[in-house]
C-alpha atoms as a PDB file:
ATOM      1  CA  MET A   1     -42.401  30.309  -8.728  1.00  0.00           C
ATOM      2  CA  ALA A   2     -44.223  27.603  -6.456  1.00  0.00           C
ATOM      3  CA  GLN A   3     -42.445  25.209  -8.656  1.00  0.00           C
ATOM      4  CA  HIS A   4     -39.077  26.695  -8.077  1.00  0.00           C
ATOM      5  CA  ARG A   5     -39.583  27.060  -4.062  1.00  0.00           C
ATOM      6  CA  HIS A   6     -40.818  22.911  -4.398  1.00  0.00           C
ATOM      7  CA  ALA A   7     -37.523  22.220  -6.293  1.00  0.00           C
ATOM      8  CA  ARG A   8     -35.327  24.121  -3.665  1.00  0.00           C
ATOM      9  CA  VAL A   9     -37.304  22.530  -0.607  1.00  0.00           C
ATOM     10  CA  ALA A  10     -36.505  18.992  -2.244  1.00  0.00           C
ATOM     11  CA  ILE A  11     -32.804  19.799  -2.842  1.00  0.00           C
ATOM     12  CA  VAL A  12     -32.794  20.909   0.845  1.00  0.00           C
ATOM     13  CA  ILE A  13     -34.625  17.689   2.026  1.00  0.00           C
ATOM     14  CA  MET A  14     -32.067  15.593   0.003  1.00  0.00           C
ATOM     15  CA  THR A  15     -29.193  17.392   1.229  1.00  0.00           C
ATOM     16  CA  LEU A  16     -30.139  17.067   4.760  1.00  0.00           C
ATOM     17  CA  GLY A  17     -30.705  13.527   4.162  1.00  0.00           C
ATOM     18  CA  ALA A  18     -27.472  12.778   2.655  1.00  0.00           C
ATOM     19  CA  MET A  19     -25.600  14.571   5.521  1.00  0.00           C
ATOM     20  CA  LEU A  20     -27.722  12.425   8.391  1.00  0.00           C
ATOM     21  CA  HIS A  21     -26.921   9.417   6.245  1.00  0.00           C
ATOM     22  CA  ALA A  22     -23.361  10.289   6.384  1.00  0.00           C
ATOM     23  CA  GLN A  23     -22.942  10.918   9.967  1.00  0.00           C
ATOM     24  CA  PRO A  24     -22.690   7.477  11.179  1.00  0.00           C
ATOM     25  CA  ALA A  25     -20.082   6.705   8.245  1.00  0.00           C
ATOM     26  CA  LEU A  26     -18.034   9.451   9.646  1.00  0.00           C
ATOM     27  CA  GLU A  27     -18.209   8.370  12.800  1.00  0.00           C
ATOM     28  CA  HIS A  28     -17.153   4.795  11.817  1.00  0.00           C
ATOM     29  CA  LEU A  29     -14.463   6.465   9.955  1.00  0.00           C
ATOM     30  CA  ARG A  30     -13.059   8.352  12.949  1.00  0.00           C
ATOM     31  CA  ARG A  31     -13.236   5.091  15.238  1.00  0.00           C
ATOM     32  CA  ALA A  32     -10.985   3.304  12.517  1.00  0.00           C
ATOM     33  CA  ASP A  33      -8.601   6.276  12.567  1.00  0.00           C
ATOM     34  CA  GLU A  34      -8.169   5.832  16.198  1.00  0.00           C
ATOM     35  CA  ALA A  35      -7.921   1.984  16.218  1.00  0.00           C
ATOM     36  CA  TYR A  36      -5.262   2.240  13.455  1.00  0.00           C
ATOM     37  CA  ARG A  37      -3.113   4.577  15.501  1.00  0.00           C
ATOM     38  CA  ALA A  38      -3.500   2.342  18.279  1.00  0.00           C
ATOM     39  CA  ARG A  39      -2.301  -0.406  15.972  1.00  0.00           C
ATOM     40  CA  GLN A  40      -5.669  -2.350  16.094  1.00  0.00           C
ATOM     41  CA  GLY A  41      -5.892  -3.580  12.671  1.00  0.00           C
ATOM     42  CA  ASP A  42      -8.674  -5.871  13.187  1.00  0.00           C
ATOM     43  CA  GLU A  43     -10.941  -3.186  14.793  1.00  0.00           C
ATOM     44  CA  ALA A  44     -10.054  -0.469  12.292  1.00  0.00           C
ATOM     45  CA  TYR A  45     -11.006  -3.058   9.287  1.00  0.00           C
ATOM     46  CA  LEU A  46     -14.152  -3.694  10.947  1.00  0.00           C
ATOM     47  CA  HIS A  47     -15.040   0.234  11.506  1.00  0.00           C
ATOM     48  CA  LEU A  48     -13.935   0.807   7.542  1.00  0.00           C
ATOM     49  CA  LEU A  49     -16.179  -2.160   6.554  1.00  0.00           C
ATOM     50  CA  ARG A  50     -19.220  -0.247   8.470  1.00  0.00           C
ATOM     51  CA  ALA A  51     -18.470   2.916   7.033  1.00  0.00           C
ATOM     52  CA  ILE A  52     -18.437   1.515   3.378  1.00  0.00           C
ATOM     53  CA  ALA A  53     -21.658  -0.164   3.953  1.00  0.00           C
ATOM     54  CA  MET A  54     -23.330   3.440   5.030  1.00  0.00           C
ATOM     55  CA  ASP A  55     -21.541   5.419   2.691  1.00  0.00           C
ATOM     56  CA  PRO A  56     -20.152   3.384  -0.540  1.00  0.00           C
ATOM     57  CA  ILE A  57     -18.834   6.563  -2.124  1.00  0.00           C
ATOM     58  CA  ASN A  58     -16.722   7.754   0.998  1.00  0.00           C
ATOM     59  CA  TYR A  59     -13.238   7.729  -0.939  1.00  0.00           C
ATOM     60  CA  GLU A  60     -11.234   7.698   2.500  1.00  0.00           C
ATOM     61  CA  ALA A  61     -13.109   4.486   3.896  1.00  0.00           C
ATOM     62  CA  GLN A  62     -12.319   2.659   0.731  1.00  0.00           C
ATOM     63  CA  TRP A  63      -8.769   3.293   0.292  1.00  0.00           C
ATOM     64  CA  LYS A  64      -8.200   2.559   4.069  1.00  0.00           C
ATOM     65  CA  ALA A  65      -9.950  -0.684   3.892  1.00  0.00           C
ATOM     66  CA  SER A  66      -7.744  -1.789   0.788  1.00  0.00           C
ATOM     67  CA  ARG A  67      -4.760  -0.737   3.124  1.00  0.00           C
ATOM     68  CA  SER A  68      -6.203  -2.842   6.147  1.00  0.00           C
ATOM     69  CA  GLU A  69      -7.056  -5.762   4.098  1.00  0.00           C
ATOM     70  CA  VAL A  70      -3.364  -5.778   2.765  1.00  0.00           C
ATOM     71  CA  ASP A  71      -2.183  -5.407   6.400  1.00  0.00           C
ATOM     72  CA  LEU A  72      -4.395  -8.503   7.729  1.00  0.00           C
ATOM     73  CA  ALA A  73      -3.208 -10.776   4.339  1.00  0.00           C
ATOM     74  CA  GLU A  74       0.549  -9.976   5.540  1.00  0.00           C
ATOM     75  CA  ALA A  75       0.011 -10.500   9.018  1.00  0.00           C
ATOM     76  CA  THR A  76      -1.319 -14.012   8.670  1.00  0.00           C
ATOM     77  CA  GLY A  77       1.970 -14.838   6.625  1.00  0.00           C
ATOM     78  CA  ARG A  78       0.068 -16.233   3.567  1.00  0.00           C
ATOM     79  CA  LEU A  79       0.564 -13.776   1.017  1.00  0.00           C
ATOM     80  CA  THR A  80      -1.951 -15.830  -1.250  1.00  0.00           C
ATOM     81  CA  ASN A  81      -4.882 -14.893   1.305  1.00  0.00           C
ATOM     82  CA  ASP A  82      -7.069 -14.567  -1.850  1.00  0.00           C
ATOM     83  CA  ARG A  83     -10.265 -13.132   0.040  1.00  0.00           C
ATOM     84  CA  LEU A  84      -8.432 -10.424   1.836  1.00  0.00           C
ATOM     85  CA  LEU A  85      -6.355  -9.779  -1.388  1.00  0.00           C
ATOM     86  CA  ASP A  86      -9.294  -9.618  -3.740  1.00  0.00           C
ATOM     87  CA  ALA A  87     -11.164  -7.211  -1.263  1.00  0.00           C
ATOM     88  CA  ALA A  88      -8.174  -5.001  -1.084  1.00  0.00           C
ATOM     89  CA  LEU A  89      -8.228  -4.730  -4.860  1.00  0.00           C
ATOM     90  CA  MET A  90     -11.804  -4.314  -5.028  1.00  0.00           C
ATOM     91  CA  HIS A  91     -11.590  -1.307  -2.344  1.00  0.00           C
ATOM     92  CA  ALA A  92      -8.446   0.260  -4.184  1.00  0.00           C
ATOM     93  CA  GLN A  93     -10.298   0.152  -7.325  1.00  0.00           C
ATOM     94  CA  ALA A  94     -13.538   1.684  -5.869  1.00  0.00           C
ATOM     95  CA  ALA A  95     -11.630   4.465  -4.390  1.00  0.00           C
ATOM     96  CA  ILE A  96      -9.676   5.302  -7.664  1.00  0.00           C
ATOM     97  CA  ARG A  97     -12.963   5.557  -9.629  1.00  0.00           C
ATOM     98  CA  LEU A  98     -14.392   7.824  -6.825  1.00  0.00           C
ATOM     99  CA  HIS A  99     -10.993  10.217  -7.099  1.00  0.00           C
ATOM    100  CA  PRO A 100      -8.694   9.085  -9.737  1.00  0.00           C
ATOM    101  CA  GLU A 101      -6.960  12.287  -9.381  1.00  0.00           C
ATOM    102  CA  ARG A 102      -5.512  11.563  -5.699  1.00  0.00           C
ATOM    103  CA  ALA A 103      -2.734   9.294  -4.673  1.00  0.00           C
ATOM    104  CA  GLU A 104      -3.907   7.042  -1.941  1.00  0.00           C
ATOM    105  CA  GLY A 105      -6.128   5.007  -3.918  1.00  0.00           C
ATOM    106  CA  HIS A 106      -3.485   4.350  -6.477  1.00  0.00           C
ATOM    107  CA  ILE A 107      -1.164   3.491  -3.905  1.00  0.00           C
ATOM    108  CA  ALA A 108      -3.459   1.003  -2.319  1.00  0.00           C
ATOM    109  CA  LEU A 109      -4.104  -0.687  -5.823  1.00  0.00           C
ATOM    110  CA  ALA A 110      -0.146  -1.062  -6.203  1.00  0.00           C
ATOM    111  CA  ARG A 111       0.330  -2.537  -3.036  1.00  0.00           C
ATOM    112  CA  ALA A 112      -2.635  -4.998  -3.304  1.00  0.00           C
ATOM    113  CA  MET A 113      -1.351  -6.162  -6.466  1.00  0.00           C
ATOM    114  CA  ARG A 114       2.350  -6.727  -5.301  1.00  0.00           C
ATOM    115  CA  HIS A 115       1.446  -8.781  -2.332  1.00  0.00           C
ATOM    116  CA  ARG A 116      -0.910 -10.713  -4.730  1.00  0.00           C
ATOM    117  CA  ALA A 117       2.247 -11.220  -7.345  1.00  0.00           C
ATOM    118  CA  ARG A 118       4.384 -12.053  -4.497  1.00  0.00           C
ATOM    119  CA  GLY A 119       2.341 -15.188  -3.736  1.00  0.00           C
ATOM    120  CA  ALA A 120       2.123 -16.074  -7.571  1.00  0.00           C
ATOM    121  CA  GLY A 121       4.582 -17.575  -9.980  1.00  0.00           C
ATOM    122  CA  VAL A 122       6.621 -15.997 -12.449  1.00  0.00           C
ATOM    123  CA  ARG A 123       4.217 -15.830 -15.244  1.00  0.00           C
ATOM    124  CA  ASP A 124       1.530 -13.918 -12.978  1.00  0.00           C
ATOM    125  CA  ARG A 125       4.401 -11.832 -11.155  1.00  0.00           C
ATOM    126  CA  ALA A 126       5.437 -10.648 -14.932  1.00  0.00           C
ATOM    127  CA  ARG A 127       1.520  -9.883 -15.357  1.00  0.00           C
ATOM    128  CA  PHE A 128       1.279  -7.772 -12.656  1.00  0.00           C
ATOM    129  CA  ALA A 129       4.390  -5.636 -13.257  1.00  0.00           C
ATOM    130  CA  GLU A 130       2.936  -3.438 -15.955  1.00  0.00           C
ATOM    131  CA  PRO A 131      -0.127  -2.356 -13.848  1.00  0.00           C
ATOM    132  CA  ILE A 132       1.782  -1.985 -10.603  1.00  0.00           C
ATOM    133  CA  HIS A 133       4.036   0.328 -12.164  1.00  0.00           C
ATOM    134  CA  SER A 134       1.326   2.441 -13.998  1.00  0.00           C
ATOM    135  CA  ALA A 135      -0.561   2.539 -10.542  1.00  0.00           C
ATOM    136  CA  VAL A 136       2.802   3.752  -8.760  1.00  0.00           C
ATOM    137  CA  LEU A 137       3.103   6.515 -11.395  1.00  0.00           C
ATOM    138  CA  ALA A 138      -0.473   7.539 -11.075  1.00  0.00           C
ATOM    139  CA  ALA A 139       0.205   8.205  -7.481  1.00  0.00           C
ATOM    140  CA  LEU A 140       3.354  10.042  -8.019  1.00  0.00           C
ATOM    141  CA  ALA A 141       1.715  12.326 -10.479  1.00  0.00           C
ATOM    142  CA  ALA A 142      -0.954  13.006  -7.849  1.00  0.00           C
ATOM    143  CA  HIS A 143       1.853  13.156  -5.096  1.00  0.00           C
ATOM    144  CA  PRO A 144       5.537  13.654  -6.153  1.00  0.00           C
ATOM    145  CA  HIS A 145       6.822  13.201  -2.741  1.00  0.00           C
ATOM    146  CA  HIS A 146       4.321  10.788  -1.050  1.00  0.00           C
ATOM    147  CA  PRO A 147       6.443   8.387   0.904  1.00  0.00           C
ATOM    148  CA  ASP A 148       4.206   5.225   0.308  1.00  0.00           C
ATOM    149  CA  ALA A 149       4.194   5.875  -3.357  1.00  0.00           C
ATOM    150  CA  LEU A 150       8.170   6.041  -3.243  1.00  0.00           C
ATOM    151  CA  HIS A 151       8.435   3.134  -1.549  1.00  0.00           C
ATOM    152  CA  ALA A 152       6.130   1.343  -3.777  1.00  0.00           C
ATOM    153  CA  LEU A 153       8.084   2.161  -6.941  1.00  0.00           C
ATOM    154  CA  GLY A 154      11.185   1.169  -5.299  1.00  0.00           C
ATOM    155  CA  MET A 155      10.048  -2.155  -4.213  1.00  0.00           C
ATOM    156  CA  TRP A 156       8.952  -2.360  -8.083  1.00  0.00           C
ATOM    157  CA  HIS A 157      12.455  -2.202  -9.193  1.00  0.00           C
ATOM    158  CA  ALA A 158      13.812  -4.195  -6.199  1.00  0.00           C
ATOM    159  CA  ASP A 159      11.190  -7.212  -7.102  1.00  0.00           C
ATOM    160  CA  LEU A 160      12.201  -7.214 -10.667  1.00  0.00           C
ATOM    161  CA  MET A 161      15.980  -7.493  -9.890  1.00  0.00           C
ATOM    162  CA  ARG A 162      15.285 -10.087  -7.400  1.00  0.00           C
ATOM    163  CA  MET A 163      13.949 -12.674 -10.174  1.00  0.00           C
ATOM    164  CA  GLY A 164      16.324 -15.386 -10.866  1.00  0.00           C
ATOM    165  CA  VAL A 165      18.143 -15.295 -14.115  1.00  0.00           C
ATOM    166  CA  VAL A 166      15.682 -17.685 -15.522  1.00  0.00           C
ATOM    167  CA  ALA A 167      12.733 -16.116 -14.267  1.00  0.00           C
ATOM    168  CA  ARG A 168      14.007 -12.678 -15.651  1.00  0.00           C
ATOM    169  CA  ARG A 169      14.370 -14.271 -19.379  1.00  0.00           C
ATOM    170  CA  PHE A 170      10.967 -15.726 -19.251  1.00  0.00           C
ATOM    171  CA  ALA A 171       9.306 -12.658 -17.838  1.00  0.00           C
ATOM    172  CA  ARG A 172      10.610 -10.459 -20.717  1.00  0.00           C
ATOM    173  CA  SER A 173       8.326 -11.935 -23.143  1.00  0.00           C
ATOM    174  CA  PHE A 174       5.162 -10.867 -20.960  1.00  0.00           C
ATOM    175  CA  LEU A 175       6.895  -7.202 -19.713  1.00  0.00           C
ATOM    176  CA  GLY A 176       8.520  -6.587 -23.008  1.00  0.00           C
ATOM    177  CA  ALA A 177      12.159  -5.408 -22.995  1.00  0.00           C
ATOM    178  CA  ASP A 178      11.209  -1.563 -22.602  1.00  0.00           C
ATOM    179  CA  LEU A 179       9.447  -2.012 -19.365  1.00  0.00           C
ATOM    180  CA  PHE A 180      11.975  -4.940 -17.882  1.00  0.00           C
ATOM    181  CA  GLU A 181      15.132  -2.730 -18.750  1.00  0.00           C
ATOM    182  CA  LEU A 182      13.493   0.229 -16.476  1.00  0.00           C
ATOM    183  CA  ALA A 183      14.344  -1.658 -13.414  1.00  0.00           C
ATOM    184  CA  ASN A 184      17.355  -1.416 -11.695  1.00  0.00           C
ATOM    185  CA  TRP A 185      19.111  -1.339  -7.995  1.00  0.00           C
ATOM    186  CA  ASP A 186      20.173   2.283  -8.338  1.00  0.00           C
ATOM    187  CA  GLU A 187      16.671   3.355  -8.586  1.00  0.00           C
ATOM    188  CA  ALA A 188      15.567   0.861  -5.901  1.00  0.00           C
ATOM    189  CA  GLN A 189      17.714   2.422  -3.405  1.00  0.00           C
ATOM    190  CA  GLN A 190      17.165   5.976  -4.143  1.00  0.00           C
ATOM    191  CA  LEU A 191      13.340   5.711  -3.957  1.00  0.00           C
ATOM    192  CA  LEU A 192      13.715   4.145  -0.672  1.00  0.00           C
ATOM    193  CA  GLU A 193      16.016   6.313   0.499  1.00  0.00           C
ATOM    194  CA  ASP A 194      13.740   9.119  -0.536  1.00  0.00           C
ATOM    195  CA  ALA A 195      10.876   7.336   1.441  1.00  0.00           C
ATOM    196  CA  VAL A 196      12.690   7.242   4.624  1.00  0.00           C
ATOM    197  CA  ARG A 197      14.008  10.845   4.259  1.00  0.00           C
ATOM    198  CA  ASN A 198      10.320  11.770   3.640  1.00  0.00           C
ATOM    199  CA  ASP A 199       8.916   9.692   6.458  1.00  0.00           C
ATOM    200  CA  PRO A 200      11.494   8.645   8.686  1.00  0.00           C
ATOM    201  CA  GLY A 201       9.541   7.240  11.991  1.00  0.00           C
ATOM    202  CA  ARG A 202       7.996   4.383   9.658  1.00  0.00           C
ATOM    203  CA  ILE A 203       9.667   1.124  10.315  1.00  0.00           C
ATOM    204  CA  VAL A 204       8.540  -0.457   6.806  1.00  0.00           C
ATOM    205  CA  HIS A 205      10.894   1.833   4.867  1.00  0.00           C
ATOM    206  CA  ARG A 206      13.736   0.991   6.734  1.00  0.00           C
ATOM    207  CA  LEU A 207      13.291  -2.473   6.431  1.00  0.00           C
ATOM    208  CA  GLU A 208      12.959  -2.874   2.862  1.00  0.00           C
ATOM    209  CA  LEU A 209      15.938  -0.378   2.305  1.00  0.00           C
ATOM    210  CA  ALA A 210      18.012  -2.602   4.455  1.00  0.00           C
ATOM    211  CA  ALA A 211      17.177  -5.378   2.588  1.00  0.00           C
ATOM    212  CA  ILE A 212      18.195  -3.717  -0.469  1.00  0.00           C
ATOM    213  CA  TYR A 213      21.438  -2.515   0.890  1.00  0.00           C
ATOM    214  CA  ALA A 214      21.813  -6.250   1.754  1.00  0.00           C
ATOM    215  CA  ASP A 215      21.203  -7.446  -1.935  1.00  0.00           C
ATOM    216  CA  ARG A 216      23.659  -5.030  -2.865  1.00  0.00           C
ATOM    217  CA  GLY A 217      26.457  -6.243  -0.646  1.00  0.00           C
ATOM    218  CA  ASP A 218      26.371  -3.288   1.720  1.00  0.00           C
ATOM    219  CA  LYS A 219      26.246  -5.270   4.897  1.00  0.00           C
ATOM    220  CA  ALA A 220      27.265  -2.422   7.115  1.00  0.00           C
ATOM    221  CA  ARG A 221      24.344   0.009   6.377  1.00  0.00           C
ATOM    222  CA  ALA A 222      21.636  -2.824   6.292  1.00  0.00           C
ATOM    223  CA  ARG A 223      23.019  -3.979   9.885  1.00  0.00           C
ATOM    224  CA  GLN A 224      22.633  -0.371  10.942  1.00  0.00           C
ATOM    225  CA  LEU A 225      18.807   0.054   9.761  1.00  0.00           C
ATOM    226  CA  TYR A 226      18.259  -3.451  11.374  1.00  0.00           C
ATOM    227  CA  MET A 227      19.624  -1.927  14.700  1.00  0.00           C
ATOM    228  CA  TRP A 228      17.333   0.902  14.510  1.00  0.00           C
ATOM    229  CA  ILE A 229      14.244  -0.871  13.988  1.00  0.00           C
ATOM    230  CA  ALA A 230      15.118  -3.112  16.949  1.00  0.00           C
ATOM    231  CA  SER A 231      14.762   0.025  19.165  1.00  0.00           C
ATOM    232  CA  ALA A 232      12.026   1.870  17.087  1.00  0.00           C
ATOM    233  CA  GLN A 233       8.675   2.845  18.031  1.00  0.00           C
ATOM    234  CA  LEU A 234       5.928   0.978  17.175  1.00  0.00           C
ATOM    235  CA  VAL A 235       3.724   2.813  14.511  1.00  0.00           C
ATOM    236  CA  ASP A 236       2.179   0.587  11.857  1.00  0.00           C
ATOM    237  CA  PRO A 237      -0.290  -2.428  12.938  1.00  0.00           C
ATOM    238  CA  ASN A 238       2.404  -4.862  11.479  1.00  0.00           C
ATOM    239  CA  ASP A 239       5.396  -3.324  12.974  1.00  0.00           C
ATOM    240  CA  ASP A 240       5.848  -6.163  15.550  1.00  0.00           C
ATOM    241  CA  LEU A 241       6.059  -8.198  12.449  1.00  0.00           C
ATOM    242  CA  TYR A 242       8.479  -5.806  10.943  1.00  0.00           C
ATOM    243  CA  LYS A 243      10.538  -5.915  14.011  1.00  0.00           C
ATOM    244  CA  ARG A 244      10.609  -9.880  13.853  1.00  0.00           C
ATOM    245  CA  GLN A 245      11.785  -9.625  10.055  1.00  0.00           C
ATOM    246  CA  ALA A 246      14.422  -7.291  10.823  1.00  0.00           C
ATOM    247  CA  ALA A 247      15.776  -9.475  13.561  1.00  0.00           C
ATOM    248  CA  ASP A 248      15.749 -12.798  11.340  1.00  0.00           C
ATOM    249  CA  ARG A 249      17.424 -10.752   8.568  1.00  0.00           C
ATOM    250  CA  SER A 250      20.152  -9.391  10.719  1.00  0.00           C
ATOM    251  CA  GLN A 251      21.103 -12.683  11.743  1.00  0.00           C
ATOM    252  CA  ARG A 252      21.121 -13.985   7.976  1.00  0.00           C
ATOM    253  CA  LEU A 253      23.459 -11.093   7.239  1.00  0.00           C
ATOM    254  CA  GLY A 254      26.686 -12.990   9.031  1.00  0.00           C
ATOM    255  CA  THR A 255      29.766 -11.017   9.578  1.00  0.00           C
END
């Protein structure tokens, strides 16, 4: 009887210890969310790293750290920022190990891999195509209407369709004909339109949808979206960058 009592006491002590240890991590996570909403990406990232140091099995801190690392790599204008993108991959994979049944970790992994692929040659872009596709499908299986998952799959289609003829032929030997043939403009457009419909206030969805319209020759709808972006409220840390990109793309549309 006493042995059972001691065991229960030990469990209570361990539980309280874990709770006390997690409290500072949760406070850093709260501050990270506040900073991210205020579009202070550097500060948000610092709090997320501190949260992970205190509580490495915090799923939310792991996937949000990956998101911030890609944001920061994107903001530098150097998509081959290996240190940040390697960290983004690492944190996304950690999140997936903790909760493979949730969407956010898979979305973070797909986004990190896409940005790494964009700074790579044709061979590496082809190599990333299958794992990006798999990660996005896992995210959609967990959350079929998640706007970021819809966005990621739409961009997977668009990125493959934007390869030049020679690059596409070269990539087929790595992708395989079956996977390569899945990519098409109709799916890219529909998925980005769905992302906009599910998350209408985000600039990034409309920015990439406008680019797809432009690629398909629909300049009128592309221009309409670029005009919307010009007056849109800033929400995400990189929205200033997205606005500049929209203005530049709008000018290059011509008449």
